[in-house]
Amino acid sequence: GAALDRASFKAYLPIVDTALSRVRAMKQDANAGAYYKVSGELCAFAEEYQKSHDLLEEAVKLFNTETPDKVEGLIKACEELIVFCKANIASKKPNSTQSGGYAEPAEK
């Protein structure tokens, strides 16, 4: 199939930012963490890897306030996407030894 049009996701970022400001005013618990996770995923689709990374880190922090068996899958998904974001951040730095483009997550 056709490649994912990552640039088109950038149009949604202002909506994400508006919602983030509202979620930040709410109780910061695993429910807020779920929103940070979804926002981080959308930011990754929009190639906003640093923002995605930061939101996913916040999500993990909030998920860790919950009973582990309820959030272990959510934490794992965040951690995998954090690795993806870090690889893409590193590949876009000047003087990077990696080639440009996307670093796809490793197959398991």
PDB file of N, CA and C in Angstrom:
ATOM      1  N   GLY A   1       0.808  -1.187   0.000  1.00  0.00           N
ATOM      2  CA  GLY A   1       0.000   0.000   0.000  1.00  0.00           C
ATOM      3  C   GLY A   1       0.844   1.239   0.000  1.00  0.00           C
ATOM      4  N   ALA A   2       0.170   2.331  -0.037  1.00  0.00           N
ATOM      5  CA  ALA A   2       0.833   3.638  -0.047  1.00  0.00           C
ATOM      6  C   ALA A   2       1.425   3.942   1.321  1.00  0.00           C
ATOM      7  N   ALA A   3       2.462   4.750   1.320  1.00  0.00           N
ATOM      8  CA  ALA A   3       3.101   5.173   2.567  1.00  0.00           C
ATOM      9  C   ALA A   3       2.140   6.048   3.364  1.00  0.00           C
ATOM     10  N   LEU A   4       2.283   6.004   4.654  1.00  0.00           N
ATOM     11  CA  LEU A   4       1.458   6.814   5.543  1.00  0.00           C
ATOM     12  C   LEU A   4       1.776   8.296   5.334  1.00  0.00           C
ATOM     13  N   ASP A   5       0.751   9.107   5.142  1.00  0.00           N
ATOM     14  CA  ASP A   5       0.923  10.547   4.951  1.00  0.00           C
ATOM     15  C   ASP A   5       1.052  11.200   6.324  1.00  0.00           C
ATOM     16  N   ARG A   6       2.268  11.125   6.880  1.00  0.00           N
ATOM     17  CA  ARG A   6       2.508  11.627   8.231  1.00  0.00           C
ATOM     18  C   ARG A   6       2.279  13.137   8.335  1.00  0.00           C
ATOM     19  N   ALA A   7       2.567  13.875   7.284  1.00  0.00           N
ATOM     20  CA  ALA A   7       2.415  15.330   7.323  1.00  0.00           C
ATOM     21  C   ALA A   7       0.960  15.738   7.547  1.00  0.00           C
ATOM     22  N   SER A   8       0.017  14.945   7.069  1.00  0.00           N
ATOM     23  CA  SER A   8      -1.392  15.303   7.235  1.00  0.00           C
ATOM     24  C   SER A   8      -1.816  15.304   8.703  1.00  0.00           C
ATOM     25  N   PHE A   9      -1.107  14.569   9.540  1.00  0.00           N
ATOM     26  CA  PHE A   9      -1.443  14.526  10.967  1.00  0.00           C
ATOM     27  C   PHE A   9      -1.107  15.838  11.674  1.00  0.00           C
ATOM     28  N   LYS A  10      -0.225  16.633  11.090  1.00  0.00           N
ATOM     29  CA  LYS A  10       0.151  17.913  11.707  1.00  0.00           C
ATOM     30  C   LYS A  10      -1.057  18.836  11.860  1.00  0.00           C
ATOM     31  N   ALA A  11      -2.037  18.696  10.990  1.00  0.00           N
ATOM     32  CA  ALA A  11      -3.235  19.539  11.060  1.00  0.00           C
ATOM     33  C   ALA A  11      -4.014  19.313  12.356  1.00  0.00           C
ATOM     34  N   TYR A  12      -3.837  18.165  12.978  1.00  0.00           N
ATOM     35  CA  TYR A  12      -4.571  17.857  14.206  1.00  0.00           C
ATOM     36  C   TYR A  12      -3.862  18.344  15.466  1.00  0.00           C
ATOM     37  N   LEU A  13      -2.625  18.772  15.360  1.00  0.00           N
ATOM     38  CA  LEU A  13      -1.852  19.146  16.546  1.00  0.00           C
ATOM     39  C   LEU A  13      -2.444  20.317  17.328  1.00  0.00           C
ATOM     40  N   PRO A  14      -3.015  21.341  16.701  1.00  0.00           N
ATOM     41  CA  PRO A  14      -3.639  22.404  17.503  1.00  0.00           C
ATOM     42  C   PRO A  14      -4.798  21.878  18.370  1.00  0.00           C
ATOM     43  N   ILE A  15      -5.548  20.927  17.855  1.00  0.00           N
ATOM     44  CA  ILE A  15      -6.644  20.333  18.633  1.00  0.00           C
ATOM     45  C   ILE A  15      -6.074  19.546  19.804  1.00  0.00           C
ATOM     46  N   VAL A  16      -5.011  18.823  19.560  1.00  0.00           N
ATOM     47  CA  VAL A  16      -4.341  18.070  20.621  1.00  0.00           C
ATOM     48  C   VAL A  16      -3.857  19.031  21.700  1.00  0.00           C
ATOM     49  N   ASP A  17      -3.257  20.147  21.307  1.00  0.00           N
ATOM     50  CA  ASP A  17      -2.753  21.115  22.279  1.00  0.00           C
ATOM     51  C   ASP A  17      -3.880  21.712  23.127  1.00  0.00           C
ATOM     52  N   THR A  18      -5.005  22.001  22.502  1.00  0.00           N
ATOM     53  CA  THR A  18      -6.149  22.529  23.240  1.00  0.00           C
ATOM     54  C   THR A  18      -6.635  21.511  24.268  1.00  0.00           C
ATOM     55  N   ALA A  19      -6.772  20.282  23.837  1.00  0.00           N
ATOM     56  CA  ALA A  19      -7.225  19.237  24.753  1.00  0.00           C
ATOM     57  C   ALA A  19      -6.191  18.981  25.852  1.00  0.00           C
ATOM     58  N   LEU A  20      -4.910  19.035  25.514  1.00  0.00           N
ATOM     59  CA  LEU A  20      -3.862  18.849  26.518  1.00  0.00           C
ATOM     60  C   LEU A  20      -3.956  19.890  27.623  1.00  0.00           C
ATOM     61  N   SER A  21      -4.236  21.124  27.264  1.00  0.00           N
ATOM     62  CA  SER A  21      -4.339  22.167  28.291  1.00  0.00           C
ATOM     63  C   SER A  21      -5.504  21.858  29.232  1.00  0.00           C
ATOM     64  N   ARG A  22      -6.564  21.292  28.701  1.00  0.00           N
ATOM     65  CA  ARG A  22      -7.707  20.924  29.550  1.00  0.00           C
ATOM     66  C   ARG A  22      -7.388  19.712  30.410  1.00  0.00           C
ATOM     67  N   VAL A  23      -6.706  18.733  29.832  1.00  0.00           N
ATOM     68  CA  VAL A  23      -6.363  17.522  30.592  1.00  0.00           C
ATOM     69  C   VAL A  23      -5.359  17.856  31.690  1.00  0.00           C
ATOM     70  N   ARG A  24      -4.445  18.766  31.439  1.00  0.00           N
ATOM     71  CA  ARG A  24      -3.465  19.149  32.461  1.00  0.00           C
ATOM     72  C   ARG A  24      -4.146  19.794  33.673  1.00  0.00           C
ATOM     73  N   ALA A  25      -5.334  20.370  33.472  1.00  0.00           N
ATOM     74  CA  ALA A  25      -6.075  20.974  34.574  1.00  0.00           C
ATOM     75  C   ALA A  25      -6.863  19.932  35.384  1.00  0.00           C
ATOM     76  N   MET A  26      -6.948  18.729  34.874  1.00  0.00           N
ATOM     77  CA  MET A  26      -7.678  17.659  35.552  1.00  0.00           C
ATOM     78  C   MET A  26      -6.779  16.942  36.550  1.00  0.00           C
ATOM     79  N   LYS A  27      -7.375  16.059  37.323  1.00  0.00           N
ATOM     80  CA  LYS A  27      -6.608  15.196  38.216  1.00  0.00           C
ATOM     81  C   LYS A  27      -5.615  14.398  37.372  1.00  0.00           C
ATOM     82  N   GLN A  28      -4.354  14.400  37.789  1.00  0.00           N
ATOM     83  CA  GLN A  28      -3.309  13.711  37.039  1.00  0.00           C
ATOM     84  C   GLN A  28      -3.181  12.273  37.551  1.00  0.00           C
ATOM     85  N   ASP A  29      -3.903  11.379  36.898  1.00  0.00           N
ATOM     86  CA  ASP A  29      -3.906   9.968  37.259  1.00  0.00           C
ATOM     87  C   ASP A  29      -3.813   9.149  35.978  1.00  0.00           C
ATOM     88  N   ALA A  30      -4.056   7.860  36.077  1.00  0.00           N
ATOM     89  CA  ALA A  30      -3.940   6.984  34.908  1.00  0.00           C
ATOM     90  C   ALA A  30      -4.932   7.362  33.810  1.00  0.00           C
ATOM     91  N   ASN A  31      -6.075   7.926  34.168  1.00  0.00           N
ATOM     92  CA  ASN A  31      -7.033   8.367  33.145  1.00  0.00           C
ATOM     93  C   ASN A  31      -6.437   9.504  32.314  1.00  0.00           C
ATOM     94  N   ALA A  32      -5.784  10.456  32.972  1.00  0.00           N
ATOM     95  CA  ALA A  32      -5.102  11.517  32.231  1.00  0.00           C
ATOM     96  C   ALA A  32      -3.956  10.910  31.420  1.00  0.00           C
ATOM     97  N   GLY A  33      -3.285   9.919  32.002  1.00  0.00           N
ATOM     98  CA  GLY A  33      -2.206   9.230  31.300  1.00  0.00           C
ATOM     99  C   GLY A  33      -2.670   8.631  29.985  1.00  0.00           C
ATOM    100  N   ALA A  34      -3.885   8.118  29.969  1.00  0.00           N
ATOM    101  CA  ALA A  34      -4.426   7.536  28.731  1.00  0.00           C
ATOM    102  C   ALA A  34      -4.525   8.598  27.636  1.00  0.00           C
ATOM    103  N   TYR A  35      -4.894   9.820  28.012  1.00  0.00           N
ATOM    104  CA  TYR A  35      -4.954  10.879  27.019  1.00  0.00           C
ATOM    105  C   TYR A  35      -3.553  11.255  26.542  1.00  0.00           C
ATOM    106  N   TYR A  36      -2.594  11.332  27.469  1.00  0.00           N
ATOM    107  CA  TYR A  36      -1.228  11.638  27.065  1.00  0.00           C
ATOM    108  C   TYR A  36      -0.701  10.573  26.103  1.00  0.00           C
ATOM    109  N   LYS A  37      -1.060   9.330  26.345  1.00  0.00           N
ATOM    110  CA  LYS A  37      -0.630   8.235  25.458  1.00  0.00           C
ATOM    111  C   LYS A  37      -1.183   8.443  24.049  1.00  0.00           C
ATOM    112  N   VAL A  38      -2.477   8.681  23.944  1.00  0.00           N
ATOM    113  CA  VAL A  38      -3.102   8.886  22.631  1.00  0.00           C
ATOM    114  C   VAL A  38      -2.508  10.118  21.943  1.00  0.00           C
ATOM    115  N   SER A  39      -2.297  11.170  22.707  1.00  0.00           N
ATOM    116  CA  SER A  39      -1.698  12.390  22.144  1.00  0.00           C
ATOM    117  C   SER A  39      -0.287  12.118  21.649  1.00  0.00           C
ATOM    118  N   GLY A  40       0.464  11.352  22.427  1.00  0.00           N
ATOM    119  CA  GLY A  40       1.817  10.993  22.020  1.00  0.00           C
ATOM    120  C   GLY A  40       1.825  10.180  20.740  1.00  0.00           C
ATOM    121  N   GLU A  41       0.866   9.284  20.618  1.00  0.00           N
ATOM    122  CA  GLU A  41       0.769   8.477  19.400  1.00  0.00           C
ATOM    123  C   GLU A  41       0.480   9.370  18.197  1.00  0.00           C
ATOM    124  N   LEU A  42      -0.450  10.304  18.352  1.00  0.00           N
ATOM    125  CA  LEU A  42      -0.779  11.189  17.242  1.00  0.00           C
ATOM    126  C   LEU A  42       0.417  12.075  16.885  1.00  0.00           C
ATOM    127  N   CYS A  43       1.141  12.545  17.896  1.00  0.00           N
ATOM    128  CA  CYS A  43       2.332  13.361  17.623  1.00  0.00           C
ATOM    129  C   CYS A  43       3.390  12.555  16.867  1.00  0.00           C
ATOM    130  N   ALA A  44       3.524  11.274  17.186  1.00  0.00           N
ATOM    131  CA  ALA A  44       4.469  10.430  16.453  1.00  0.00           C
ATOM    132  C   ALA A  44       4.047  10.300  14.999  1.00  0.00           C
ATOM    133  N   PHE A  45       2.752  10.134  14.748  1.00  0.00           N
ATOM    134  CA  PHE A  45       2.278  10.078  13.366  1.00  0.00           C
ATOM    135  C   PHE A  45       2.591  11.380  12.641  1.00  0.00           C
ATOM    136  N   ALA A  46       2.574  12.501  13.356  1.00  0.00           N
ATOM    137  CA  ALA A  46       2.845  13.811  12.763  1.00  0.00           C
ATOM    138  C   ALA A  46       4.335  14.131  12.712  1.00  0.00           C
ATOM    139  N   GLU A  47       5.168  13.169  13.059  1.00  0.00           N
ATOM    140  CA  GLU A  47       6.619  13.324  13.065  1.00  0.00           C
ATOM    141  C   GLU A  47       7.109  14.344  14.088  1.00  0.00           C
ATOM    142  N   GLU A  48       6.342  14.549  15.126  1.00  0.00           N
ATOM    143  CA  GLU A  48       6.737  15.423  16.239  1.00  0.00           C
ATOM    144  C   GLU A  48       7.278  14.504  17.332  1.00  0.00           C
ATOM    145  N   TYR A  49       8.464  13.968  17.079  1.00  0.00           N
ATOM    146  CA  TYR A  49       8.991  12.891  17.918  1.00  0.00           C
ATOM    147  C   TYR A  49       9.368  13.332  19.329  1.00  0.00           C
ATOM    148  N   GLN A  50       9.902  14.529  19.500  1.00  0.00           N
ATOM    149  CA  GLN A  50      10.249  14.979  20.851  1.00  0.00           C
ATOM    150  C   GLN A  50       8.983  15.185  21.678  1.00  0.00           C
ATOM    151  N   LYS A  51       7.989  15.810  21.081  1.00  0.00           N
ATOM    152  CA  LYS A  51       6.716  16.029  21.782  1.00  0.00           C
ATOM    153  C   LYS A  51       6.072  14.689  22.116  1.00  0.00           C
ATOM    154  N   SER A  52       6.091  13.768  21.171  1.00  0.00           N
ATOM    155  CA  SER A  52       5.552  12.432  21.396  1.00  0.00           C
ATOM    156  C   SER A  52       6.274  11.762  22.563  1.00  0.00           C
ATOM    157  N   HIS A  53       7.588  11.798  22.526  1.00  0.00           N
ATOM    158  CA  HIS A  53       8.408  11.206  23.583  1.00  0.00           C
ATOM    159  C   HIS A  53       8.012  11.760  24.949  1.00  0.00           C
ATOM    160  N   ASP A  54       7.905  13.078  25.046  1.00  0.00           N
ATOM    161  CA  ASP A  54       7.599  13.716  26.322  1.00  0.00           C
ATOM    162  C   ASP A  54       6.210  13.331  26.833  1.00  0.00           C
ATOM    163  N   LEU A  55       5.235  13.294  25.934  1.00  0.00           N
ATOM    164  CA  LEU A  55       3.877  12.902  26.328  1.00  0.00           C
ATOM    165  C   LEU A  55       3.824  11.439  26.767  1.00  0.00           C
ATOM    166  N   LEU A  56       4.532  10.592  26.066  1.00  0.00           N
ATOM    167  CA  LEU A  56       4.549   9.173  26.424  1.00  0.00           C
ATOM    168  C   LEU A  56       5.238   8.949  27.766  1.00  0.00           C
ATOM    169  N   GLU A  57       6.308   9.701  28.035  1.00  0.00           N
ATOM    170  CA  GLU A  57       6.977   9.617  29.338  1.00  0.00           C
ATOM    171  C   GLU A  57       6.008  10.027  30.448  1.00  0.00           C
ATOM    172  N   GLU A  58       5.235  11.083  30.207  1.00  0.00           N
ATOM    173  CA  GLU A  58       4.241  11.530  31.188  1.00  0.00           C
ATOM    174  C   GLU A  58       3.171  10.460  31.396  1.00  0.00           C
ATOM    175  N   ALA A  59       2.751   9.837  30.315  1.00  0.00           N
ATOM    176  CA  ALA A  59       1.755   8.767  30.417  1.00  0.00           C
ATOM    177  C   ALA A  59       2.274   7.623  31.277  1.00  0.00           C
ATOM    178  N   VAL A  60       3.503   7.205  31.039  1.00  0.00           N
ATOM    179  CA  VAL A  60       4.087   6.101  31.820  1.00  0.00           C
ATOM    180  C   VAL A  60       4.136   6.475  33.297  1.00  0.00           C
ATOM    181  N   LYS A  61       4.543   7.708  33.578  1.00  0.00           N
ATOM    182  CA  LYS A  61       4.610   8.171  34.968  1.00  0.00           C
ATOM    183  C   LYS A  61       3.236   8.054  35.633  1.00  0.00           C
ATOM    184  N   LEU A  62       2.201   8.463  34.939  1.00  0.00           N
ATOM    185  CA  LEU A  62       0.851   8.400  35.506  1.00  0.00           C
ATOM    186  C   LEU A  62       0.326   6.968  35.557  1.00  0.00           C
ATOM    187  N   PHE A  63       0.645   6.160  34.563  1.00  0.00           N
ATOM    188  CA  PHE A  63       0.222   4.761  34.606  1.00  0.00           C
ATOM    189  C   PHE A  63       0.846   4.038  35.796  1.00  0.00           C
ATOM    190  N   ASN A  64       2.045   4.445  36.158  1.00  0.00           N
ATOM    191  CA  ASN A  64       2.720   3.802  37.289  1.00  0.00           C
ATOM    192  C   ASN A  64       2.068   4.103  38.632  1.00  0.00           C
ATOM    193  N   THR A  65       1.074   4.984  38.653  1.00  0.00           N
ATOM    194  CA  THR A  65       0.327   5.240  39.888  1.00  0.00           C
ATOM    195  C   THR A  65      -0.836   4.263  40.036  1.00  0.00           C
ATOM    196  N   GLU A  66      -1.060   3.452  39.033  1.00  0.00           N
ATOM    197  CA  GLU A  66      -2.185   2.509  38.995  1.00  0.00           C
ATOM    198  C   GLU A  66      -1.700   1.106  39.332  1.00  0.00           C
ATOM    199  N   THR A  67      -2.633   0.229  39.638  1.00  0.00           N
ATOM    200  CA  THR A  67      -2.308  -1.170  39.873  1.00  0.00           C
ATOM    201  C   THR A  67      -1.639  -1.740  38.624  1.00  0.00           C
ATOM    202  N   PRO A  68      -0.451  -2.348  38.779  1.00  0.00           N
ATOM    203  CA  PRO A  68       0.332  -2.790  37.611  1.00  0.00           C
ATOM    204  C   PRO A  68      -0.435  -3.678  36.626  1.00  0.00           C
ATOM    205  N   ASP A  69      -1.241  -4.601  37.108  1.00  0.00           N
ATOM    206  CA  ASP A  69      -1.923  -5.503  36.178  1.00  0.00           C
ATOM    207  C   ASP A  69      -2.934  -4.779  35.291  1.00  0.00           C
ATOM    208  N   LYS A  70      -3.368  -3.593  35.688  1.00  0.00           N
ATOM    209  CA  LYS A  70      -4.334  -2.835  34.890  1.00  0.00           C
ATOM    210  C   LYS A  70      -3.670  -2.040  33.765  1.00  0.00           C
ATOM    211  N   VAL A  71      -2.372  -1.775  33.915  1.00  0.00           N
ATOM    212  CA  VAL A  71      -1.720  -0.852  32.972  1.00  0.00           C
ATOM    213  C   VAL A  71      -0.471  -1.411  32.310  1.00  0.00           C
ATOM    214  N   GLU A  72      -0.120  -2.645  32.585  1.00  0.00           N
ATOM    215  CA  GLU A  72       1.148  -3.159  32.052  1.00  0.00           C
ATOM    216  C   GLU A  72       1.202  -3.119  30.527  1.00  0.00           C
ATOM    217  N   GLY A  73       0.099  -3.410  29.860  1.00  0.00           N
ATOM    218  CA  GLY A  73       0.073  -3.341  28.398  1.00  0.00           C
ATOM    219  C   GLY A  73       0.207  -1.913  27.885  1.00  0.00           C
ATOM    220  N   LEU A  74      -0.418  -0.976  28.589  1.00  0.00           N
ATOM    221  CA  LEU A  74      -0.318   0.430  28.203  1.00  0.00           C
ATOM    222  C   LEU A  74       1.112   0.933  28.365  1.00  0.00           C
ATOM    223  N   ILE A  75       1.740   0.550  29.469  1.00  0.00           N
ATOM    224  CA  ILE A  75       3.123   0.962  29.712  1.00  0.00           C
ATOM    225  C   ILE A  75       4.040   0.373  28.648  1.00  0.00           C
ATOM    226  N   LYS A  76       3.848  -0.897  28.326  1.00  0.00           N
ATOM    227  CA  LYS A  76       4.689  -1.543  27.311  1.00  0.00           C
ATOM    228  C   LYS A  76       4.543  -0.841  25.953  1.00  0.00           C
ATOM    229  N   ALA A  77       3.311  -0.519  25.587  1.00  0.00           N
ATOM    230  CA  ALA A  77       3.080   0.163  24.312  1.00  0.00           C
ATOM    231  C   ALA A  77       3.769   1.529  24.301  1.00  0.00           C
ATOM    232  N   CYS A  78       3.678   2.254  25.416  1.00  0.00           N
ATOM    233  CA  CYS A  78       4.350   3.561  25.513  1.00  0.00           C
ATOM    234  C   CYS A  78       5.860   3.398  25.389  1.00  0.00           C
ATOM    235  N   GLU A  79       6.411   2.437  26.104  1.00  0.00           N
ATOM    236  CA  GLU A  79       7.858   2.240  26.088  1.00  0.00           C
ATOM    237  C   GLU A  79       8.362   1.878  24.696  1.00  0.00           C
ATOM    238  N   GLU A  80       7.606   1.085  23.963  1.00  0.00           N
ATOM    239  CA  GLU A  80       8.004   0.731  22.595  1.00  0.00           C
ATOM    240  C   GLU A  80       7.992   1.959  21.686  1.00  0.00           C
ATOM    241  N   LEU A  81       6.975   2.802  21.839  1.00  0.00           N
ATOM    242  CA  LEU A  81       6.908   3.995  21.006  1.00  0.00           C
ATOM    243  C   LEU A  81       7.963   5.021  21.427  1.00  0.00           C
ATOM    244  N   ILE A  82       8.314   5.060  22.703  1.00  0.00           N
ATOM    245  CA  ILE A  82       9.397   5.932  23.164  1.00  0.00           C
ATOM    246  C   ILE A  82      10.706   5.552  22.475  1.00  0.00           C
ATOM    247  N   VAL A  83      10.971   4.261  22.354  1.00  0.00           N
ATOM    248  CA  VAL A  83      12.182   3.793  21.655  1.00  0.00           C
ATOM    249  C   VAL A  83      12.162   4.263  20.201  1.00  0.00           C
ATOM    250  N   PHE A  84      11.016   4.131  19.552  1.00  0.00           N
ATOM    251  CA  PHE A  84      10.845   4.579  18.167  1.00  0.00           C
ATOM    252  C   PHE A  84      11.125   6.079  18.054  1.00  0.00           C
ATOM    253  N   CYS A  85      10.570   6.860  18.990  1.00  0.00           N
ATOM    254  CA  CYS A  85      10.770   8.310  18.965  1.00  0.00           C
ATOM    255  C   CYS A  85      12.238   8.671  19.172  1.00  0.00           C
ATOM    256  N   LYS A  86      12.877   8.020  20.138  1.00  0.00           N
ATOM    257  CA  LYS A  86      14.297   8.299  20.396  1.00  0.00           C
ATOM    258  C   LYS A  86      15.142   8.023  19.162  1.00  0.00           C
ATOM    259  N   ALA A  87      14.846   6.941  18.455  1.00  0.00           N
ATOM    260  CA  ALA A  87      15.604   6.608  17.246  1.00  0.00           C
ATOM    261  C   ALA A  87      15.407   7.674  16.177  1.00  0.00           C
ATOM    262  N   ASN A  88      14.188   8.164  16.039  1.00  0.00           N
ATOM    263  CA  ASN A  88      13.927   9.198  15.039  1.00  0.00           C
ATOM    264  C   ASN A  88      14.513  10.534  15.442  1.00  0.00           C
ATOM    265  N   ILE A  89      14.505  10.853  16.724  1.00  0.00           N
ATOM    266  CA  ILE A  89      15.132  12.084  17.199  1.00  0.00           C
ATOM    267  C   ILE A  89      16.630  12.030  16.907  1.00  0.00           C
ATOM    268  N   ALA A  90      17.249  10.900  17.214  1.00  0.00           N
ATOM    269  CA  ALA A  90      18.688  10.740  16.988  1.00  0.00           C
ATOM    270  C   ALA A  90      19.030  10.827  15.498  1.00  0.00           C
ATOM    271  N   SER A  91      18.173  10.280  14.646  1.00  0.00           N
ATOM    272  CA  SER A  91      18.467  10.278  13.207  1.00  0.00           C
ATOM    273  C   SER A  91      18.341  11.662  12.587  1.00  0.00           C
ATOM    274  N   LYS A  92      17.670  12.571  13.248  1.00  0.00           N
ATOM    275  CA  LYS A  92      17.479  13.917  12.710  1.00  0.00           C
ATOM    276  C   LYS A  92      18.473  14.928  13.268  1.00  0.00           C
ATOM    277  N   LYS A  93      19.313  14.508  14.213  1.00  0.00           N
ATOM    278  CA  LYS A  93      20.310  15.429  14.777  1.00  0.00           C
ATOM    279  C   LYS A  93      21.449  15.630  13.785  1.00  0.00           C
ATOM    280  N   PRO A  94      21.980  16.855  13.735  1.00  0.00           N
ATOM    281  CA  PRO A  94      23.163  17.088  12.893  1.00  0.00           C
ATOM    282  C   PRO A  94      24.317  16.213  13.376  1.00  0.00           C
ATOM    283  N   ASN A  95      25.176  15.832  12.466  1.00  0.00           N
ATOM    284  CA  ASN A  95      26.337  14.996  12.771  1.00  0.00           C
ATOM    285  C   ASN A  95      25.951  13.598  13.219  1.00  0.00           C
ATOM    286  N   SER A  96      24.724  13.197  12.948  1.00  0.00           N
ATOM    287  CA  SER A  96      24.292  11.851  13.309  1.00  0.00           C
ATOM    288  C   SER A  96      24.978  10.852  12.388  1.00  0.00           C
ATOM    289  N   THR A  97      25.305   9.695  12.926  1.00  0.00           N
ATOM    290  CA  THR A  97      25.918   8.651  12.113  1.00  0.00           C
ATOM    291  C   THR A  97      24.857   7.847  11.374  1.00  0.00           C
ATOM    292  N   GLN A  98      23.585   8.090  11.716  1.00  0.00           N
ATOM    293  CA  GLN A  98      22.500   7.366  11.054  1.00  0.00           C
ATOM    294  C   GLN A  98      22.060   8.135   9.820  1.00  0.00           C
ATOM    295  N   SER A  99      21.506   7.411   8.876  1.00  0.00           N
ATOM    296  CA  SER A  99      20.982   8.071   7.694  1.00  0.00           C
ATOM    297  C   SER A  99      19.636   8.697   8.027  1.00  0.00           C
ATOM    298  N   GLY A 100      19.183   9.614   7.199  1.00  0.00           N
ATOM    299  CA  GLY A 100      17.897  10.267   7.427  1.00  0.00           C
ATOM    300  C   GLY A 100      16.745   9.301   7.260  1.00  0.00           C
ATOM    301  N   GLY A 101      15.537   9.809   7.412  1.00  0.00           N
ATOM    302  CA  GLY A 101      14.354   8.971   7.269  1.00  0.00           C
ATOM    303  C   GLY A 101      13.883   8.445   8.609  1.00  0.00           C
ATOM    304  N   TYR A 102      13.156   7.373   8.557  1.00  0.00           N
ATOM    305  CA  TYR A 102      12.540   6.825   9.751  1.00  0.00           C
ATOM    306  C   TYR A 102      13.269   5.609  10.227  1.00  0.00           C
ATOM    307  N   ALA A 103      13.386   5.493  11.522  1.00  0.00           N
ATOM    308  CA  ALA A 103      13.899   4.261  12.130  1.00  0.00           C
ATOM    309  C   ALA A 103      12.676   3.469  12.560  1.00  0.00           C
ATOM    310  N   GLU A 104      12.397   2.424  11.864  1.00  0.00           N
ATOM    311  CA  GLU A 104      11.227   1.611  12.201  1.00  0.00           C
ATOM    312  C   GLU A 104      11.529   0.741  13.410  1.00  0.00           C
ATOM    313  N   PRO A 105      10.515   0.499  14.238  1.00  0.00           N
ATOM    314  CA  PRO A 105      10.755  -0.377  15.405  1.00  0.00           C
ATOM    315  C   PRO A 105      11.226  -1.755  14.960  1.00  0.00           C
ATOM    316  N   ALA A 106      12.074  -2.345  15.751  1.00  0.00           N
ATOM    317  CA  ALA A 106      12.589  -3.679  15.425  1.00  0.00           C
ATOM    318  C   ALA A 106      11.490  -4.724  15.557  1.00  0.00           C
ATOM    319  N   GLU A 107      11.535  -5.702  14.699  1.00  0.00           N
ATOM    320  CA  GLU A 107      10.600  -6.826  14.796  1.00  0.00           C
ATOM    321  C   GLU A 107      10.965  -7.667  16.017  1.00  0.00           C
ATOM    322  N   LYS A 108       9.950  -8.203  16.648  1.00  0.00           N
ATOM    323  CA  LYS A 108      10.206  -9.040  17.828  1.00  0.00           C
ATOM    324  C   LYS A 108      10.071 -10.485  17.494  1.00  0.00           C
TER     325      LYS A 108
END
